[in-house]
Each structure stands twice: as structure tokens, then as C-alpha cells.
N, C-alpha and C. Protein backbone atom coordinates (compact mmCIF):
# COMPACT_ATOMS: atom_id res chain seq x y z
N MET A 1 -68.83 -60.40 -101.59
CA MET A 1 -68.38 -61.31 -101.53
C MET A 1 -68.41 -62.84 -100.80
N ASN A 2 -69.15 -63.75 -101.59
CA ASN A 2 -69.14 -64.28 -100.54
C ASN A 2 -68.28 -65.50 -99.96
N GLU A 3 -68.26 -66.00 -98.78
CA GLU A 3 -66.93 -66.70 -98.30
C GLU A 3 -66.16 -67.78 -99.50
N LYS A 4 -67.13 -68.54 -100.21
CA LYS A 4 -66.67 -69.37 -100.79
C LYS A 4 -65.58 -68.72 -102.19
N LYS A 5 -66.06 -67.88 -102.68
CA LYS A 5 -65.44 -66.96 -103.91
C LYS A 5 -64.41 -65.90 -103.22
N SER A 6 -64.58 -65.78 -101.96
CA SER A 6 -62.92 -65.36 -100.97
C SER A 6 -62.21 -66.10 -101.15
N ILE A 7 -62.54 -67.25 -101.11
CA ILE A 7 -61.45 -68.38 -100.88
C ILE A 7 -60.64 -68.95 -101.64
N ILE A 8 -61.57 -69.20 -102.83
CA ILE A 8 -60.90 -69.51 -104.27
C ILE A 8 -59.81 -67.94 -104.74
N LEU A 9 -60.46 -67.04 -104.49
CA LEU A 9 -59.65 -65.68 -104.70
C LEU A 9 -58.15 -65.47 -104.14
N ARG A 10 -58.50 -65.74 -102.99
CA ARG A 10 -57.32 -66.05 -102.47
C ARG A 10 -56.25 -67.20 -102.20
N VAL A 11 -57.02 -68.26 -102.70
CA VAL A 11 -55.61 -69.65 -103.21
C VAL A 11 -55.36 -69.02 -104.48
N LEU A 12 -55.82 -68.57 -105.42
CA LEU A 12 -55.63 -67.96 -106.97
C LEU A 12 -54.47 -66.59 -106.82
N VAL A 13 -54.70 -65.88 -106.04
CA VAL A 13 -53.37 -64.85 -105.75
C VAL A 13 -52.64 -65.68 -105.09
N GLY A 14 -52.55 -66.17 -103.95
CA GLY A 14 -51.82 -67.16 -103.20
C GLY A 14 -50.76 -68.01 -104.44
N SER A 15 -51.30 -68.59 -105.28
CA SER A 15 -50.55 -69.28 -106.19
C SER A 15 -50.00 -68.51 -107.16
N LEU A 16 -50.98 -67.78 -108.03
CA LEU A 16 -50.22 -67.29 -108.98
C LEU A 16 -49.24 -66.05 -108.62
N ALA A 17 -49.51 -65.29 -107.71
CA ALA A 17 -48.45 -64.20 -107.49
C ALA A 17 -47.26 -64.97 -107.25
N PRO A 18 -46.84 -65.75 -106.51
CA PRO A 18 -45.31 -66.26 -106.52
C PRO A 18 -44.73 -66.83 -107.60
N LEU A 19 -45.92 -67.34 -108.46
CA LEU A 19 -45.51 -68.22 -109.66
C LEU A 19 -44.88 -66.93 -110.35
N SER A 20 -45.70 -66.28 -110.73
CA SER A 20 -45.51 -64.97 -111.51
C SER A 20 -44.28 -64.04 -111.29
N LEU A 21 -43.87 -64.11 -110.13
CA LEU A 21 -42.70 -63.21 -109.62
C LEU A 21 -41.83 -64.31 -109.54
N LEU A 22 -41.70 -65.32 -109.83
CA LEU A 22 -40.82 -66.47 -110.24
C LEU A 22 -40.39 -66.37 -111.69
N SER A 23 -41.69 -66.27 -112.40
CA SER A 23 -41.26 -66.61 -113.84
C SER A 23 -40.56 -65.11 -114.40
N ILE A 24 -41.07 -64.18 -113.86
CA ILE A 24 -40.43 -62.88 -114.24
C ILE A 24 -39.17 -62.51 -113.80
N GLY A 25 -38.83 -63.29 -112.52
CA GLY A 25 -37.27 -63.59 -112.16
C GLY A 25 -36.25 -64.17 -113.09
N ALA A 26 -36.95 -65.67 -113.44
CA ALA A 26 -36.28 -66.31 -114.36
C ALA A 26 -35.89 -65.50 -115.79
N PHE A 27 -37.19 -65.19 -116.44
CA PHE A 27 -36.85 -64.48 -117.48
C PHE A 27 -35.84 -63.20 -117.45
N ILE A 28 -35.82 -62.71 -116.79
CA ILE A 28 -34.74 -61.34 -116.45
C ILE A 28 -33.10 -61.77 -116.27
N TYR A 29 -33.56 -62.85 -115.60
CA TYR A 29 -32.29 -63.66 -115.39
C TYR A 29 -31.77 -64.26 -116.65
N PHE A 30 -32.52 -64.83 -117.48
CA PHE A 30 -31.88 -65.66 -118.46
C PHE A 30 -31.62 -64.81 -119.67
N PHE A 31 -32.71 -63.64 -119.84
CA PHE A 31 -33.09 -62.49 -121.59
C PHE A 31 -32.26 -61.21 -121.24
N LYS A 32 -32.47 -60.95 -119.41
CA LYS A 32 -32.32 -59.28 -119.05
C LYS A 32 -33.33 -58.61 -119.73
N SER A 33 -33.67 -57.84 -119.57
CA SER A 33 -35.49 -56.78 -119.56
C SER A 33 -35.60 -56.94 -120.71
N PRO A 34 -36.79 -56.81 -121.00
CA PRO A 34 -36.87 -56.80 -122.63
C PRO A 34 -38.02 -54.85 -122.86
N VAL A 35 -37.53 -54.45 -122.12
CA VAL A 35 -38.74 -53.03 -122.05
C VAL A 35 -37.90 -52.15 -121.97
N PRO A 36 -37.76 -51.68 -123.17
CA PRO A 36 -36.72 -50.21 -123.48
C PRO A 36 -37.20 -49.25 -123.01
N CYS A 37 -36.39 -48.01 -122.82
CA CYS A 37 -36.75 -46.77 -122.09
C CYS A 37 -37.67 -46.11 -123.44
N LEU A 38 -39.02 -45.97 -123.17
CA LEU A 38 -39.25 -44.53 -124.40
C LEU A 38 -38.97 -43.41 -123.97
N PHE A 39 -39.24 -42.74 -122.95
CA PHE A 39 -38.52 -41.80 -122.44
C PHE A 39 -37.43 -41.37 -122.92
N TYR A 40 -36.45 -42.27 -122.63
CA TYR A 40 -34.94 -42.18 -123.52
C TYR A 40 -35.19 -41.97 -124.72
N LYS A 41 -35.68 -42.90 -125.36
CA LYS A 41 -35.70 -43.27 -127.25
C LYS A 41 -36.06 -41.82 -127.89
N TYR A 42 -37.12 -41.32 -126.83
CA TYR A 42 -37.81 -39.91 -127.63
C TYR A 42 -37.48 -39.08 -127.22
N PHE A 43 -36.86 -38.43 -125.97
CA PHE A 43 -36.42 -37.44 -125.48
C PHE A 43 -34.77 -37.35 -125.18
N ASN A 44 -33.94 -38.29 -125.09
CA ASN A 44 -32.75 -38.92 -124.87
C ASN A 44 -32.31 -38.13 -123.63
N ILE A 45 -33.23 -38.65 -122.66
CA ILE A 45 -32.62 -38.05 -121.16
C ILE A 45 -33.21 -39.16 -120.20
N TYR A 46 -32.56 -39.53 -119.59
CA TYR A 46 -32.66 -40.89 -118.32
C TYR A 46 -33.57 -40.46 -117.72
N CYS A 47 -34.99 -41.33 -117.27
CA CYS A 47 -36.03 -41.38 -116.59
C CYS A 47 -35.33 -41.86 -115.57
N VAL A 48 -36.57 -41.92 -114.19
CA VAL A 48 -35.94 -42.32 -112.80
C VAL A 48 -36.03 -43.73 -113.09
N GLY A 49 -36.59 -44.83 -114.05
CA GLY A 49 -35.84 -45.88 -113.65
C GLY A 49 -35.29 -46.30 -115.06
N CYS A 50 -34.78 -45.58 -115.59
CA CYS A 50 -33.47 -46.26 -116.62
C CYS A 50 -32.35 -46.75 -115.81
N GLY A 51 -32.15 -47.80 -116.35
CA GLY A 51 -31.31 -48.53 -115.88
C GLY A 51 -31.98 -49.95 -114.64
N SER A 52 -32.84 -49.39 -114.33
CA SER A 52 -33.64 -50.83 -113.49
C SER A 52 -33.63 -52.29 -113.89
N GLY A 53 -34.04 -52.63 -114.99
CA GLY A 53 -33.84 -54.02 -115.81
C GLY A 53 -32.67 -54.18 -116.01
N ARG A 54 -31.63 -53.75 -116.28
CA ARG A 54 -30.48 -54.26 -115.97
C ARG A 54 -29.44 -54.54 -114.66
N ALA A 55 -29.85 -53.91 -113.99
CA ALA A 55 -30.07 -53.56 -112.21
C ALA A 55 -30.81 -54.40 -111.28
N ALA A 56 -31.82 -55.40 -111.94
CA ALA A 56 -32.50 -56.73 -111.68
C ALA A 56 -31.60 -57.47 -112.15
N TYR A 57 -30.55 -57.47 -113.17
CA TYR A 57 -30.61 -58.40 -114.29
C TYR A 57 -29.38 -58.63 -113.40
N ASP A 58 -28.48 -57.72 -112.91
CA ASP A 58 -27.22 -58.21 -112.23
C ASP A 58 -27.39 -58.14 -110.67
N LEU A 59 -28.49 -57.80 -110.31
CA LEU A 59 -28.71 -58.16 -108.58
C LEU A 59 -28.96 -59.95 -108.79
N LEU A 60 -29.92 -60.80 -109.68
CA LEU A 60 -30.35 -61.91 -109.77
C LEU A 60 -28.74 -62.62 -110.23
N HIS A 61 -27.80 -62.19 -110.77
CA HIS A 61 -26.37 -62.73 -110.74
C HIS A 61 -25.69 -62.37 -110.20
N LEU A 62 -26.10 -61.57 -108.95
CA LEU A 62 -25.30 -61.65 -107.19
C LEU A 62 -24.50 -60.40 -108.04
N ARG A 63 -23.73 -59.44 -108.70
CA ARG A 63 -23.47 -58.23 -109.11
C ARG A 63 -24.10 -57.27 -108.32
N PHE A 64 -23.66 -56.69 -107.29
CA PHE A 64 -24.38 -55.73 -106.66
C PHE A 64 -23.69 -54.66 -107.01
N VAL A 65 -22.37 -54.48 -106.97
CA VAL A 65 -21.82 -53.20 -107.32
C VAL A 65 -22.64 -52.51 -108.66
N GLU A 66 -22.46 -53.44 -109.71
CA GLU A 66 -22.89 -53.18 -111.32
C GLU A 66 -24.35 -52.95 -111.02
N ALA A 67 -25.40 -53.65 -110.29
CA ALA A 67 -26.62 -53.12 -110.24
C ALA A 67 -26.74 -51.64 -109.24
N PHE A 68 -26.39 -51.01 -108.25
CA PHE A 68 -26.18 -50.26 -108.54
C PHE A 68 -25.87 -49.42 -109.04
N LEU A 69 -24.55 -49.29 -109.49
CA LEU A 69 -24.48 -48.49 -110.62
C LEU A 69 -25.32 -48.29 -111.78
N HIS A 70 -26.06 -48.81 -112.23
CA HIS A 70 -26.84 -48.68 -113.04
C HIS A 70 -28.48 -47.77 -112.64
N ASN A 71 -28.76 -48.09 -111.45
CA ASN A 71 -29.72 -47.64 -110.83
C ASN A 71 -29.80 -47.68 -109.50
N PRO A 72 -29.44 -45.88 -108.73
CA PRO A 72 -28.79 -46.43 -107.29
C PRO A 72 -30.32 -46.87 -107.11
N LEU A 73 -31.27 -45.46 -107.05
CA LEU A 73 -32.50 -45.59 -106.65
C LEU A 73 -33.16 -46.44 -106.47
N PHE A 74 -33.07 -47.36 -107.47
CA PHE A 74 -33.90 -48.76 -107.73
C PHE A 74 -33.27 -49.23 -106.67
N ILE A 75 -32.16 -49.23 -106.42
CA ILE A 75 -31.31 -50.64 -105.45
C ILE A 75 -31.74 -49.93 -103.90
N ILE A 76 -32.02 -48.95 -103.72
CA ILE A 76 -32.21 -48.17 -102.48
C ILE A 76 -33.58 -48.56 -102.24
N VAL A 77 -34.86 -48.56 -103.03
CA VAL A 77 -36.08 -48.55 -102.82
C VAL A 77 -36.45 -49.94 -103.12
N LEU A 78 -35.56 -51.12 -103.72
CA LEU A 78 -35.89 -52.17 -103.69
C LEU A 78 -36.82 -53.08 -102.28
N PRO A 79 -36.13 -52.72 -101.55
CA PRO A 79 -36.33 -53.68 -100.57
C PRO A 79 -37.38 -53.28 -99.40
N PHE A 80 -37.49 -51.90 -99.64
CA PHE A 80 -38.88 -51.17 -99.27
C PHE A 80 -39.97 -51.92 -99.87
N VAL A 81 -40.01 -51.90 -101.11
CA VAL A 81 -41.04 -52.20 -102.09
C VAL A 81 -41.34 -53.71 -101.75
N MET A 82 -40.18 -54.43 -101.19
CA MET A 82 -40.48 -55.92 -101.27
C MET A 82 -41.20 -56.10 -100.20
N TYR A 83 -40.69 -55.49 -99.01
CA TYR A 83 -41.27 -55.77 -97.96
C TYR A 83 -42.65 -55.35 -98.34
N TYR A 84 -43.10 -54.28 -98.82
CA TYR A 84 -44.82 -53.72 -98.55
C TYR A 84 -45.52 -55.14 -99.53
N LEU A 85 -44.89 -55.49 -100.47
CA LEU A 85 -45.71 -56.76 -101.03
C LEU A 85 -45.79 -57.81 -100.50
N ILE A 86 -44.73 -58.45 -99.33
CA ILE A 86 -44.80 -59.25 -98.71
C ILE A 86 -46.06 -59.36 -97.97
N ILE A 87 -45.66 -57.98 -96.98
CA ILE A 87 -47.28 -57.93 -96.34
C ILE A 87 -48.73 -57.93 -96.70
N SER A 88 -48.41 -57.15 -97.60
CA SER A 88 -50.13 -57.18 -98.41
C SER A 88 -50.07 -58.29 -99.27
N TYR A 89 -49.36 -59.36 -99.90
CA TYR A 89 -49.50 -61.03 -99.83
C TYR A 89 -49.83 -61.66 -98.77
N LEU A 90 -49.56 -61.21 -97.20
CA LEU A 90 -49.47 -62.37 -96.23
C LEU A 90 -51.27 -61.58 -95.95
N LYS A 91 -51.38 -60.34 -95.77
CA LYS A 91 -52.07 -59.94 -95.85
C LYS A 91 -54.06 -60.22 -96.32
N PHE A 92 -53.39 -60.35 -97.51
CA PHE A 92 -54.47 -61.03 -98.69
C PHE A 92 -54.96 -62.69 -98.59
N VAL A 93 -53.85 -63.09 -98.62
CA VAL A 93 -53.93 -64.36 -99.00
C VAL A 93 -53.89 -65.36 -97.35
N PHE A 94 -53.46 -64.41 -96.21
CA PHE A 94 -53.47 -65.83 -95.27
C PHE A 94 -54.50 -64.22 -94.29
N ASN A 95 -54.69 -63.61 -94.25
CA ASN A 95 -55.60 -62.65 -93.85
C ASN A 95 -54.22 -62.66 -91.83
N ILE A 96 -53.22 -62.43 -92.15
CA ILE A 96 -52.20 -62.43 -91.48
C ILE A 96 -51.34 -61.32 -91.05
N ILE A 97 -50.99 -60.59 -90.25
CA ILE A 97 -50.13 -59.76 -90.40
C ILE A 97 -49.19 -60.08 -89.45
N ARG A 98 -48.18 -60.52 -88.96
CA ARG A 98 -47.36 -60.87 -87.90
C ARG A 98 -46.24 -59.46 -87.97
N ILE A 99 -45.87 -59.08 -88.96
CA ILE A 99 -44.39 -58.10 -89.05
C ILE A 99 -45.08 -57.02 -88.83
N PRO A 100 -44.01 -55.71 -88.63
CA PRO A 100 -44.24 -54.44 -88.37
C PRO A 100 -45.16 -53.70 -89.95
N VAL A 101 -45.95 -52.78 -90.46
CA VAL A 101 -46.04 -52.62 -91.14
C VAL A 101 -46.04 -50.74 -91.00
N PHE A 102 -45.50 -50.43 -92.28
CA PHE A 102 -45.36 -48.71 -92.25
C PHE A 102 -45.63 -48.53 -92.77
N LYS A 103 -46.28 -46.83 -92.35
CA LYS A 103 -47.55 -46.07 -93.06
C LYS A 103 -46.23 -44.86 -93.87
N ILE A 104 -47.10 -44.35 -95.11
CA ILE A 104 -46.47 -43.29 -95.64
C ILE A 104 -47.47 -41.98 -95.57
N ASN A 105 -47.16 -40.96 -94.63
CA ASN A 105 -48.45 -39.92 -94.69
C ASN A 105 -48.11 -38.67 -96.16
N LYS A 106 -49.28 -38.10 -96.01
CA LYS A 106 -48.87 -36.75 -97.13
C LYS A 106 -47.22 -36.66 -96.90
N THR A 107 -46.92 -36.15 -95.88
CA THR A 107 -45.78 -35.57 -95.90
C THR A 107 -44.16 -36.48 -96.88
N GLY A 108 -44.24 -37.47 -96.02
CA GLY A 108 -43.40 -39.01 -96.89
C GLY A 108 -44.00 -38.59 -97.95
N THR A 109 -44.94 -38.41 -98.74
CA THR A 109 -45.34 -38.61 -100.42
C THR A 109 -44.84 -37.87 -101.19
N ILE A 110 -44.74 -36.52 -100.35
CA ILE A 110 -44.49 -35.35 -101.07
C ILE A 110 -42.42 -35.17 -100.88
N ILE A 111 -42.02 -35.70 -99.53
CA ILE A 111 -40.59 -35.79 -99.78
C ILE A 111 -39.84 -37.01 -101.02
N ILE A 112 -40.75 -38.12 -101.08
CA ILE A 112 -40.66 -39.05 -102.16
C ILE A 112 -40.38 -38.19 -103.05
N PHE A 113 -41.39 -37.64 -103.46
CA PHE A 113 -42.02 -37.19 -105.05
C PHE A 113 -40.53 -36.05 -105.44
N VAL A 114 -40.56 -35.33 -104.03
CA VAL A 114 -39.10 -34.55 -104.64
C VAL A 114 -37.93 -35.18 -104.55
N LEU A 115 -37.61 -35.98 -103.95
CA LEU A 115 -36.39 -36.58 -103.75
C LEU A 115 -36.10 -37.59 -105.50
N MET A 116 -37.50 -38.18 -105.70
CA MET A 116 -37.22 -39.03 -107.44
C MET A 116 -37.12 -37.79 -108.25
N ILE A 117 -37.85 -36.37 -107.86
CA ILE A 117 -37.43 -35.24 -109.06
C ILE A 117 -36.00 -34.69 -108.98
N ALA A 118 -35.86 -34.66 -107.68
CA ALA A 118 -34.25 -34.75 -107.91
C ALA A 118 -33.26 -35.66 -108.44
N TYR A 119 -33.40 -36.72 -107.91
CA TYR A 119 -32.77 -37.93 -108.76
C TYR A 119 -32.78 -37.69 -110.17
N TRP A 120 -34.21 -37.56 -110.77
CA TRP A 120 -33.91 -37.38 -112.15
C TRP A 120 -33.16 -36.40 -112.96
N VAL A 121 -33.24 -35.18 -112.10
CA VAL A 121 -32.65 -34.11 -112.32
C VAL A 121 -30.83 -34.35 -112.91
N LEU A 122 -30.89 -34.63 -111.70
CA LEU A 122 -29.49 -34.55 -111.21
C LEU A 122 -28.93 -36.13 -111.95
N ARG A 123 -28.97 -36.92 -112.74
CA ARG A 123 -28.76 -38.13 -113.64
C ARG A 123 -28.85 -37.74 -114.84
N ASN A 124 -29.37 -36.36 -114.76
CA ASN A 124 -29.30 -35.84 -116.49
C ASN A 124 -28.50 -34.92 -116.47
N ILE A 125 -27.93 -34.25 -115.62
CA ILE A 125 -26.37 -33.16 -115.42
C ILE A 125 -25.26 -34.29 -116.15
N PRO A 126 -24.90 -33.81 -117.42
CA PRO A 126 -23.55 -34.18 -117.63
C PRO A 126 -22.61 -34.25 -117.07
N THR A 127 -21.69 -35.39 -117.16
CA THR A 127 -20.36 -35.25 -115.97
C THR A 127 -19.55 -36.05 -116.97
N MET A 128 -17.99 -35.79 -116.54
CA MET A 128 -17.46 -36.78 -117.17
C MET A 128 -17.23 -38.33 -117.33
N VAL A 129 -17.99 -38.54 -116.31
CA VAL A 129 -18.38 -39.93 -115.38
C VAL A 129 -19.28 -40.56 -116.91
N LYS A 130 -18.50 -42.08 -116.97
CA LYS A 130 -19.00 -42.86 -117.84
C LYS A 130 -20.80 -43.22 -117.74
N LYS A 131 -21.92 -42.80 -118.36
CA LYS A 131 -23.10 -43.39 -117.71
C LYS A 131 -23.39 -44.69 -118.65
N PHE A 132 -24.02 -45.45 -118.00
CA PHE A 132 -24.52 -46.85 -118.36
C PHE A 132 -26.10 -46.91 -118.96
């Protein structure tokens, strides 16, 4: 790709990515998440992401405890995902990285996958606690 096309693409991504994020955030803030869990709808068990939309809604309204109760994994993982997205954004748009970058090797990927499966199984064990 030549330099002129590269600059145009970086300007587009640099302006549209934050606008998209703000638009999605504003939509969730005012209308909650419009995406139902099809896994729950058809199989009647919670997936790993069930409750993430409600958790995002509560986070945007600064209700941290309620957000954590909807999906604890989402709340724990969100700072790491945001960190990675910010690093990727800065690298692509400005071609700079001034903050440390973490990388996940094959073992780390396997550990994360196993933890997600364990979370998925544990959250579907019936308990006396009311589920959200």
C-alpha cells in the first residue's frame, strides 16, 4: 500500500474507531444491550458471555457491584481487552507505542481457554442463589 492510501486509512480508522465506540456506548447507556443470547434461548444454559450486555449497561451507569453480579468474567477481562485495544489503536493510527505490550504465548492461551470452559460449566450448576 502506498503512503497516501496508508495515511487516509489511518485517519479513517483514527476517527471512526472512537466514534463507533462512543456510539455503541451511548446506545447501551440509553437502551441496554439489544443482543439476546441465542445459546440461552435455544439450549437454556448460560454461555460465557451471558450477562455481558447488562454488565456493560451497569458499568456505564457506575453500578459496579451489579455489573459484577451479571458477569464476573466480563468485568475481570474488560480492562485487559481495553488495554490491548488502546495499544493496537495507538500502533495503527499513530505508529507509536509508549506503553508496555504484553503477549500471550501458547500456554497462556490454553490456560485462558480452560478457565473460560471452567467458568462456563460452573455458572450452569444449579444453586440456591438467584441468577440474573
